[in-house]
């Protein structure tokens, strides 16, 4: 049985070419740019809109260039349960979400997902040619910005007796 990723080009990416330059990547960047401030979405919601695999979406976002990281609000993409990334941009993602008014726990989990989650990307504003309209770009976070406190355990919940 072939997976969705294999139908779309497998390791070389959607469209059969280099995944970093394909038309699907352009659509991904347009969707990211259209996510409004104060809202978050998931790789699964983006994948459903692009008819791509969520794993491809995660890989593509993880492979954004330094310039692209400044141009699109990649920090508004979180895991289904609200967890933010674990990579080198974790503190930046944490700080940007908090600056937009999104509550994030010290463990790195977006609070009140029911209020801030943008699950249906089909209703984002569109250009006449069908591309998603860009929301206001997120401000660049200066190097001297306060860093979020690290948590000893990611995703740990308050549990009785635990």
Protein backbone atom coordinates (compact mmCIF):
# COMPACT_ATOMS: atom_id res chain seq x y z
CA UNK A 1 0.00 0.00 0.00
CA UNK A 2 1.34 3.41 -0.95
CA UNK A 3 1.25 6.21 1.57
CA UNK A 4 0.17 9.74 0.85
CA UNK A 5 3.80 10.91 1.04
CA UNK A 6 4.88 8.38 -1.59
CA UNK A 7 2.13 9.52 -3.96
CA UNK A 8 3.46 13.05 -3.68
CA UNK A 9 7.09 12.42 -4.40
CA UNK A 10 8.40 10.67 -1.29
CA UNK A 11 11.84 11.77 -0.20
CA UNK A 12 12.22 14.25 -3.03
CA UNK A 13 9.03 15.96 -1.93
CA UNK A 14 5.70 16.94 -3.40
CA UNK A 15 5.61 17.41 -7.13
CA UNK A 16 8.56 15.07 -7.68
CA UNK A 17 11.22 17.81 -7.44
CA UNK A 18 13.20 19.31 -4.63
CA UNK A 19 10.64 19.78 -1.85
CA UNK A 20 12.11 23.17 -0.98
CA UNK A 21 11.23 24.68 -4.37
CA UNK A 22 7.98 22.95 -5.31
CA UNK A 23 4.60 24.64 -5.79
CA UNK A 24 3.27 22.97 -2.66
CA UNK A 25 5.96 24.73 -0.63
CA UNK A 26 4.74 28.07 -1.99
CA UNK A 27 1.20 27.20 -0.93
CA UNK A 28 2.51 26.23 2.52
CA UNK A 29 4.26 29.60 2.91
CA UNK A 30 1.07 31.41 1.82
CA UNK A 31 -1.00 29.47 4.37
CA UNK A 32 1.48 30.19 7.15
CA UNK A 33 1.43 33.88 6.27
CA UNK A 34 -2.38 33.93 6.51
CA UNK A 35 -2.64 32.56 10.07
CA UNK A 36 -3.82 35.56 12.11
CA UNK A 37 -2.00 36.80 15.19
CA UNK A 38 -3.38 35.39 18.42
CA UNK A 39 -4.38 32.10 16.77
CA UNK A 40 -2.57 28.79 16.26
CA UNK A 41 -3.03 25.84 13.94
CA UNK A 42 -1.59 22.35 13.57
CA UNK A 43 0.44 20.55 10.90
CA UNK A 44 -2.59 18.28 10.43
CA UNK A 45 -4.87 21.24 9.60
CA UNK A 46 -2.31 22.63 7.16
CA UNK A 47 -1.81 19.20 5.60
CA UNK A 48 -5.57 18.79 5.10
CA UNK A 49 -5.72 22.12 3.28
CA UNK A 50 -2.71 21.27 1.08
CA UNK A 51 -3.67 17.61 0.57
CA UNK A 52 -0.25 16.65 1.88
CA UNK A 53 1.04 14.48 4.70
CA UNK A 54 1.39 16.11 8.14
CA UNK A 55 4.94 14.75 8.32
CA UNK A 56 5.78 16.68 5.13
CA UNK A 57 4.35 19.86 6.68
CA UNK A 58 6.47 19.40 9.82
CA UNK A 59 9.58 18.72 7.73
CA UNK A 60 8.96 21.73 5.47
CA UNK A 61 8.41 24.08 8.43
CA UNK A 62 11.53 22.70 10.10
CA UNK A 63 13.47 23.38 6.90
CA UNK A 64 12.51 27.04 6.53
CA UNK A 65 15.42 29.35 5.79
CA UNK A 66 16.43 32.16 8.14
CA UNK A 67 14.71 34.67 5.83
CA UNK A 68 11.52 32.61 5.69
CA UNK A 69 11.49 32.31 9.47
CA UNK A 70 11.33 36.12 9.60
CA UNK A 71 8.70 36.39 6.82
CA UNK A 72 6.04 33.90 7.93
CA UNK A 73 4.53 33.26 11.38
CA UNK A 74 5.80 29.68 11.66
CA UNK A 75 5.54 29.99 15.45
CA UNK A 76 1.73 29.74 15.17
CA UNK A 77 1.95 26.05 14.24
CA UNK A 78 1.75 23.75 17.27
CA UNK A 79 1.09 20.06 17.88
CA UNK A 80 -2.50 18.79 18.11
CA UNK A 81 -2.35 18.85 21.91
CA UNK A 82 -0.92 22.38 21.92
CA UNK A 83 2.75 21.53 22.52
CA UNK A 84 5.26 23.89 20.97
CA UNK A 85 8.42 22.73 19.23
CA UNK A 86 11.40 21.16 20.97
CA UNK A 87 14.13 22.38 18.65
CA UNK A 88 16.51 25.33 18.69
CA UNK A 89 13.65 27.79 18.02
CA UNK A 90 11.58 26.69 21.05
CA UNK A 91 12.29 29.79 23.14
CA UNK A 92 11.58 32.07 20.18
CA UNK A 93 8.28 30.30 19.50
CA UNK A 94 7.34 30.53 23.18
CA UNK A 95 8.12 34.27 23.33
CA UNK A 96 6.32 35.10 20.09
CA UNK A 97 3.15 33.26 21.11
CA UNK A 98 3.11 34.97 24.51
CA UNK A 99 3.62 38.39 22.85
CA UNK A 100 0.56 37.70 20.71
CA UNK A 101 -1.51 37.06 23.83
CA UNK A 102 -1.51 33.27 23.65
CA UNK A 103 -1.10 31.64 27.06
CA UNK A 104 1.65 29.00 27.05
CA UNK A 105 2.42 26.90 30.12
CA UNK A 106 6.00 26.67 31.41
CA UNK A 107 6.04 23.15 29.97
CA UNK A 108 5.47 24.63 26.50
CA UNK A 109 1.80 23.77 25.95
CA UNK A 110 -0.65 26.31 24.53
CA UNK A 111 -3.49 26.84 26.99
CA UNK A 112 -7.14 27.27 25.95
CA UNK A 113 -6.69 25.54 22.58
CA UNK A 114 -10.46 25.65 22.11
CA UNK A 115 -10.30 29.44 21.89
CA UNK A 116 -7.09 29.96 19.91
CA UNK A 117 -7.06 26.94 17.57
CA UNK A 118 -7.73 27.69 13.91
CA UNK A 119 -8.65 24.19 12.74
CA UNK A 120 -10.32 25.08 9.43
CA UNK A 121 -7.91 26.90 7.15
CA UNK A 122 -10.32 26.82 4.21
CA UNK A 123 -11.97 30.02 5.44
CA UNK A 124 -8.84 32.17 5.55
CA UNK A 125 -9.00 35.36 3.46
CA UNK A 126 -7.95 34.66 -0.16
CA UNK A 127 -6.56 36.60 -3.08
CA UNK A 128 -8.51 36.41 -6.34
CA UNK A 129 -6.10 33.73 -7.61
CA UNK A 130 -6.90 31.51 -4.60
CA UNK A 131 -3.76 32.16 -2.56
CA UNK A 132 -4.22 32.85 1.14
CA UNK A 133 -3.87 36.51 2.08
CA UNK A 134 -1.07 37.31 4.45
CA UNK A 135 -1.85 38.45 7.96
CA UNK A 136 0.31 41.12 9.50
CA UNK A 137 3.81 39.72 9.80
CA UNK A 138 5.00 38.94 13.28
CA UNK A 139 7.62 41.32 14.61
CA UNK A 140 11.17 40.06 14.76
CA UNK A 141 12.24 39.21 18.28
CA UNK A 142 15.48 40.98 19.17
CA UNK A 143 18.42 38.92 20.36
CA UNK A 144 18.16 40.47 23.82
CA UNK A 145 14.55 39.36 24.32
CA UNK A 146 13.82 37.64 27.61
CA UNK A 147 14.01 33.89 27.33
CA UNK A 148 11.30 31.57 28.55
CA UNK A 149 12.20 29.48 31.54
CA UNK A 150 13.11 25.93 30.65
CA UNK A 151 10.95 23.20 32.06
CA UNK A 152 12.36 19.95 33.35
CA UNK A 153 9.56 18.02 31.71
CA UNK A 154 7.73 18.83 28.51
CA UNK A 155 3.97 18.36 28.56
CA UNK A 156 3.80 17.30 32.19
CA UNK A 157 0.36 17.93 33.66
CA UNK A 158 -0.71 18.57 37.18
CA UNK A 159 -2.04 15.28 38.43
CA UNK A 160 -3.18 14.26 41.86
CA UNK A 161 -0.41 12.30 43.51
CA UNK A 162 2.02 13.02 40.67
